[in-house]
Protein backbone atom coordinates (compact mmCIF):
# COMPACT_ATOMS: atom_id res chain seq x y z
CA MET A 1 -7.90 26.88 24.18
CA GLY A 2 -10.85 29.02 23.23
CA ASN A 3 -14.49 29.30 24.50
CA ARG A 4 -15.83 27.33 21.47
CA MET A 5 -14.05 24.09 22.30
CA PRO A 6 -16.19 21.67 24.36
CA GLN A 7 -14.92 20.90 27.86
CA GLU A 8 -14.54 17.14 27.06
CA ILE A 9 -12.13 17.99 24.39
CA GLU A 10 -10.18 20.42 26.82
CA GLU A 11 -10.00 17.56 29.24
CA MET A 12 -8.51 15.45 26.59
CA ILE A 13 -5.94 18.14 25.65
CA ARG A 14 -4.92 18.43 29.30
CA ALA A 15 -4.58 14.64 29.51
CA LEU A 16 -1.92 14.93 26.77
CA ASP A 17 0.41 16.05 29.58
CA ASP A 18 -0.51 13.40 32.01
CA ARG A 19 2.54 11.61 33.50
CA ASP A 20 0.95 8.17 32.78
CA TYR A 21 1.88 7.31 29.30
CA ALA A 22 -1.29 5.24 29.06
CA ASN A 23 -3.48 8.21 29.68
CA ARG A 24 -1.75 10.20 27.13
CA ILE A 25 -2.38 7.41 24.74
CA ARG A 26 -5.94 7.27 25.65
CA ALA A 27 -6.38 10.87 25.05
CA LEU A 28 -4.68 10.89 21.66
CA ASP A 29 -7.16 7.95 20.59
CA ALA A 30 -9.91 9.88 21.64
CA LEU A 31 -8.94 13.15 20.02
CA ALA A 32 -8.68 11.42 16.45
CA GLN A 33 -12.42 12.15 15.84
CA TYR A 34 -12.26 16.04 16.64
CA LYS A 35 -10.65 17.56 13.33
CA GLU A 36 -13.15 20.38 13.18
CA PHE A 37 -11.83 21.51 16.73
CA GLY A 38 -8.39 22.41 15.61
CA VAL A 39 -6.73 19.85 17.96
CA VAL A 40 -3.69 19.09 15.52
CA PRO A 41 -1.16 21.78 17.19
CA PHE A 42 -1.78 20.12 20.49
CA ILE A 43 -0.95 16.69 19.25
CA ILE A 44 2.15 17.45 17.13
CA PRO A 45 4.55 17.95 20.20
CA LEU A 46 3.61 14.38 21.35
CA LEU A 47 5.57 13.14 18.23
CA LYS A 48 8.84 14.13 20.51
CA ASP A 49 7.22 11.97 23.51
CA VAL A 50 10.00 9.79 25.44
CA ASP A 51 7.80 6.79 25.09
CA PRO A 52 7.58 5.28 21.39
CA ALA A 53 4.08 3.94 22.18
CA VAL A 54 2.89 7.65 22.70
CA ARG A 55 4.62 8.52 19.46
CA ILE A 56 2.81 5.86 17.53
CA ALA A 57 -0.46 7.19 19.07
CA ALA A 58 0.34 10.55 17.91
CA VAL A 59 1.15 9.49 14.63
CA ASP A 60 -2.02 7.56 14.05
CA THR A 61 -4.26 10.10 15.38
CA LEU A 62 -2.55 12.70 13.12
CA GLY A 63 -3.08 10.28 10.19
CA ALA A 64 -6.71 9.92 11.15
CA LEU A 65 -7.47 13.73 11.33
CA GLY A 66 -5.76 13.98 7.86
CA ASP A 67 -4.77 17.54 8.50
CA GLU A 68 -2.10 18.79 6.13
CA GLN A 69 -0.31 20.71 8.83
CA ALA A 70 0.91 17.63 10.29
CA VAL A 71 2.95 16.78 6.93
CA GLU A 72 6.15 18.42 7.94
CA PRO A 73 6.41 17.22 11.43
CA LEU A 74 5.42 13.72 10.37
CA SER A 75 8.06 13.87 7.70
CA ARG A 76 10.73 14.56 10.20
CA ILE A 77 9.65 11.58 12.38
CA LEU A 78 10.69 9.13 9.32
CA ALA A 79 14.03 9.56 10.96
CA ASP A 80 12.72 8.42 14.47
CA ASP A 81 14.87 5.90 16.32
CA GLU A 82 12.13 3.47 16.69
CA ASP A 83 11.41 1.26 13.49
CA ASP A 84 7.49 1.14 14.25
CA VAL A 85 7.43 5.03 14.60
CA ARG A 86 8.95 5.41 11.27
CA LEU A 87 6.79 2.93 9.64
CA TYR A 88 3.58 4.41 11.11
CA GLY A 89 4.75 7.89 10.23
CA ALA A 90 4.92 6.89 6.57
CA LEU A 91 1.52 5.28 6.81
CA ALA A 92 0.02 8.44 8.17
CA LEU A 93 1.61 10.57 5.48
CA GLY A 94 -0.12 8.19 3.16
CA ALA A 95 -3.46 8.48 4.80
CA ILE A 96 -3.33 12.33 4.96
CA GLY A 97 -2.67 12.18 1.14
CA ASP A 98 -0.85 15.64 0.86
CA PRO A 99 1.75 15.61 -2.22
CA ASN A 100 4.01 17.76 -0.15
CA ALA A 101 5.06 14.64 1.56
CA VAL A 102 6.31 12.82 -1.55
CA PRO A 103 9.78 14.06 -1.27
CA ALA A 104 10.31 12.66 2.16
CA LEU A 105 8.59 9.26 1.30
CA ILE A 106 10.75 9.02 -1.88
CA ALA A 107 13.69 9.63 0.29
CA ALA A 108 12.46 6.98 2.87
CA LEU A 109 11.96 4.44 -0.03
CA GLN A 110 15.44 4.83 -0.69
CA LYS A 111 16.90 4.02 2.56
CA ASP A 112 18.27 0.79 3.53
CA ASP A 113 15.46 0.21 6.02
CA GLU A 114 13.17 -2.56 5.03
CA GLN A 115 10.11 -1.71 7.03
CA LEU A 116 10.32 1.82 6.31
CA GLN A 117 10.54 1.19 2.50
CA CYS A 118 7.61 -0.92 2.65
CA GLY A 119 5.64 1.90 4.47
CA ALA A 120 6.93 4.47 2.11
CA ALA A 121 5.94 2.46 -0.91
CA GLN A 122 2.71 1.94 0.30
CA ALA A 123 2.11 5.51 1.11
CA LEU A 124 3.19 6.81 -2.10
CA GLY A 125 0.66 4.50 -3.86
CA MET A 126 -1.94 6.17 -1.68
CA ILE A 127 -1.00 9.68 -2.45
CA GLY A 128 -0.91 8.96 -6.09
CA ASP A 129 1.86 11.54 -7.25
CA ARG A 130 3.46 10.83 -10.51
CA ARG A 131 6.88 11.86 -9.11
CA ALA A 132 6.82 8.44 -7.15
CA LEU A 133 6.90 6.30 -10.39
CA GLY A 134 10.47 6.00 -10.95
CA PRO A 135 11.51 5.40 -7.25
CA LEU A 136 8.44 2.69 -7.18
CA LEU A 137 9.95 1.09 -10.28
CA ALA A 138 13.37 0.99 -8.64
CA ALA A 139 12.04 -0.40 -5.42
CA PHE A 140 10.20 -3.11 -7.49
CA HIS A 141 13.76 -4.67 -8.36
CA ASN A 142 14.59 -4.57 -4.70
CA SER A 143 16.29 -7.85 -3.42
CA SER A 144 13.74 -7.75 -0.58
CA LEU A 145 10.44 -9.76 -1.28
CA ALA A 146 8.66 -7.39 1.15
CA VAL A 147 9.79 -4.32 -0.45
CA ARG A 148 9.10 -5.36 -4.04
CA ARG A 149 5.56 -6.58 -3.02
CA HIS A 150 4.91 -3.18 -1.42
CA ALA A 151 6.34 -1.49 -4.57
CA ALA A 152 4.10 -3.69 -6.63
CA GLY A 153 1.11 -2.31 -4.55
CA GLY A 154 2.21 1.18 -4.82
CA LEU A 155 2.56 0.96 -8.68
CA GLY A 156 -0.76 -0.45 -8.98
CA GLU A 157 -2.31 2.17 -6.80
CA LEU A 158 -0.39 4.91 -8.72
CA GLY A 159 -1.90 3.40 -11.91
CA ASP A 160 0.49 5.30 -14.16
CA LYS A 161 0.32 3.46 -17.66
CA THR A 162 4.29 4.34 -18.11
CA ALA A 163 4.84 1.56 -15.82
CA VAL A 164 3.29 -0.94 -18.39
CA GLU A 165 6.49 -1.58 -20.55
CA PRO A 166 8.81 -2.17 -17.39
CA MET A 167 5.99 -4.57 -16.10
CA LEU A 168 5.88 -6.40 -19.34
CA GLN A 169 9.59 -7.08 -19.19
CA ALA A 170 9.36 -8.03 -15.51
CA LEU A 171 6.57 -10.56 -16.41
CA THR A 172 9.38 -12.54 -18.23
CA ALA A 173 12.07 -12.14 -15.44
CA PRO A 174 13.92 -15.26 -14.13
CA ASP A 175 12.49 -14.86 -10.57
CA PRO A 176 8.96 -16.38 -10.18
CA GLY A 177 8.32 -13.68 -7.56
CA VAL A 178 9.01 -10.79 -9.84
CA ARG A 179 6.86 -12.45 -12.63
CA THR A 180 3.97 -12.65 -10.06
CA ASP A 181 4.22 -9.22 -8.93
CA ALA A 182 4.38 -7.83 -12.31
CA ALA A 183 1.16 -9.82 -13.27
CA TYR A 184 -0.34 -8.05 -10.24
CA VAL A 185 0.65 -4.60 -11.38
CA LEU A 186 -0.36 -5.13 -14.87
CA GLY A 187 -3.87 -6.05 -14.04
CA GLN A 188 -4.15 -2.80 -11.97
CA LEU A 189 -3.12 -0.77 -14.87
CA GLY A 190 -5.80 -1.69 -17.03
CA ASP A 191 -4.11 -1.40 -20.32
CA SER A 192 -5.45 -3.50 -23.32
CA GLN A 193 -2.03 -4.27 -24.30
CA VAL A 194 -1.26 -6.41 -21.51
CA VAL A 195 -3.90 -8.80 -22.09
CA GLU A 196 -1.98 -11.11 -24.62
CA PRO A 197 1.14 -11.16 -22.29
CA LEU A 198 -1.13 -12.23 -19.23
CA ILE A 199 -2.90 -14.88 -21.30
CA ARG A 200 0.58 -16.28 -22.05
CA ALA A 201 1.47 -16.15 -18.38
CA LEU A 202 -1.28 -18.56 -17.61
CA THR A 203 1.04 -21.14 -18.86
CA ASP A 204 3.85 -20.15 -16.66
CA ASP A 205 5.51 -22.85 -14.74
CA ASN A 206 4.95 -21.27 -11.50
CA PRO A 207 1.59 -21.42 -9.98
CA ASP A 208 1.64 -18.13 -8.21
CA VAL A 209 2.21 -16.30 -11.54
CA ARG A 210 -0.78 -18.35 -13.22
CA TYR A 211 -2.93 -17.55 -10.27
CA VAL A 212 -2.32 -13.78 -10.25
CA ALA A 213 -2.34 -13.74 -14.14
CA ALA A 214 -5.92 -15.15 -13.84
CA GLU A 215 -6.90 -12.65 -11.48
CA SER A 216 -5.52 -9.73 -13.48
CA LEU A 217 -7.29 -10.95 -16.65
CA GLY A 218 -10.60 -11.18 -14.55
CA MET A 219 -10.02 -7.54 -13.56
CA LEU A 220 -9.26 -6.33 -17.02
CA GLY A 221 -12.58 -8.00 -18.46
CA ASN A 222 -11.44 -8.51 -22.00
CA ARG A 223 -13.24 -11.62 -23.73
CA ARG A 224 -10.08 -12.60 -25.39
CA ALA A 225 -8.87 -14.30 -22.33
CA VAL A 226 -11.99 -16.45 -21.65
CA PRO A 227 -10.78 -19.45 -23.69
CA GLN A 228 -7.42 -19.90 -22.02
CA LEU A 229 -8.98 -19.20 -18.72
CA ALA A 230 -11.56 -21.90 -19.45
CA TYR A 231 -8.68 -24.32 -20.11
CA VAL A 232 -7.06 -23.42 -16.86
CA ALA A 233 -10.17 -23.64 -14.96
CA HIS A 234 -10.53 -27.32 -16.08
CA HIS A 235 -7.00 -28.61 -16.37
CA ASP A 236 -4.75 -26.78 -14.03
CA THR A 237 -3.87 -28.75 -10.88
CA GLY A 238 -1.60 -26.39 -9.47
CA THR A 239 -2.03 -24.46 -6.14
CA THR A 240 -0.30 -21.34 -4.84
CA THR A 241 2.79 -21.17 -2.64
CA TRP A 242 2.12 -17.48 -1.55
CA ALA A 243 0.61 -15.06 -4.13
CA LEU A 244 0.74 -11.54 -2.85
CA ASP A 245 -1.82 -11.27 -0.10
CA HIS A 246 -3.34 -14.78 -0.84
CA ALA A 247 -2.58 -17.55 1.57
CA PRO A 248 -0.88 -20.78 0.15
CA GLY A 249 -2.70 -23.78 -1.19
CA ILE A 250 -5.47 -21.90 -3.21
CA ARG A 251 -6.15 -23.57 -6.52
CA VAL A 252 -5.07 -21.94 -9.67
CA ALA A 253 -8.23 -23.42 -11.40
CA TYR A 254 -10.35 -21.47 -8.99
CA ALA A 255 -8.88 -18.11 -9.82
CA ALA A 256 -9.43 -18.84 -13.45
CA GLN A 257 -13.30 -19.78 -12.72
CA LYS A 258 -13.69 -16.61 -10.96
CA ALA A 259 -11.97 -14.55 -13.57
CA MET A 260 -14.34 -15.87 -16.24
CA GLU A 261 -17.29 -15.26 -13.91
CA ARG A 262 -16.19 -11.60 -13.40
CA ILE A 263 -15.90 -10.95 -17.14
CA GLU A 264 -19.33 -12.44 -17.82
CA HIS A 265 -20.74 -10.35 -15.05
CA ASP A 266 -19.11 -7.18 -16.18
CA HIS A 267 -19.87 -7.84 -19.94
CA GLY A 268 -23.08 -9.74 -19.83
């Protein structure tokens, strides 16, 4: 293991072979802070541990260490038999942020595996590689609400303005959930051409759409939105049902008021 490795780390590495799975997990958790000592090669074999809890711990530790040499073995674990191992594998690849993981994550996004698709969409957004744009746009139209929401998050993280036109189209879709998610992505993309469509979305018949449109307008910070936001703040009595990561029952007027405050704060 080398003379320069502290004894306490050597003991942790020996514990990776312990017969007790709990001791293996404890050692993995402890090793997550020691990237500078080259511990990754000792952790990678535990991606094949017989216990799925150990495999998850190994995945988490590799993601925390952020070492690119873990990308290939983590890409392989996206085919693990356990749902949670696959999910955490995708998230670990996102945490590492290496573009070499993008092909494996795109393939995972396209599988018939809702949990893995959600993790892959999130990871692709974290990595921010433009190759993910088309697959994330396709996933945005997935029939699964969870997959669409994570694809929306991935598109927002990606920030590629090529997505503006598809999201503007989605803002008028029949499904209010699609409109809500489109309003969110448009706010993340920060393009001035989306201000007027989002202002119009403040009159949508669905309160979730109006709420997220107000939030997005606040993020965009364009003063053109203030008059309509003021109207919503004083007259909209609607409350959310479930808008992205928000709990139900939040007043649309509250989002409009906060959006105006943000615009005033950012632009004096």
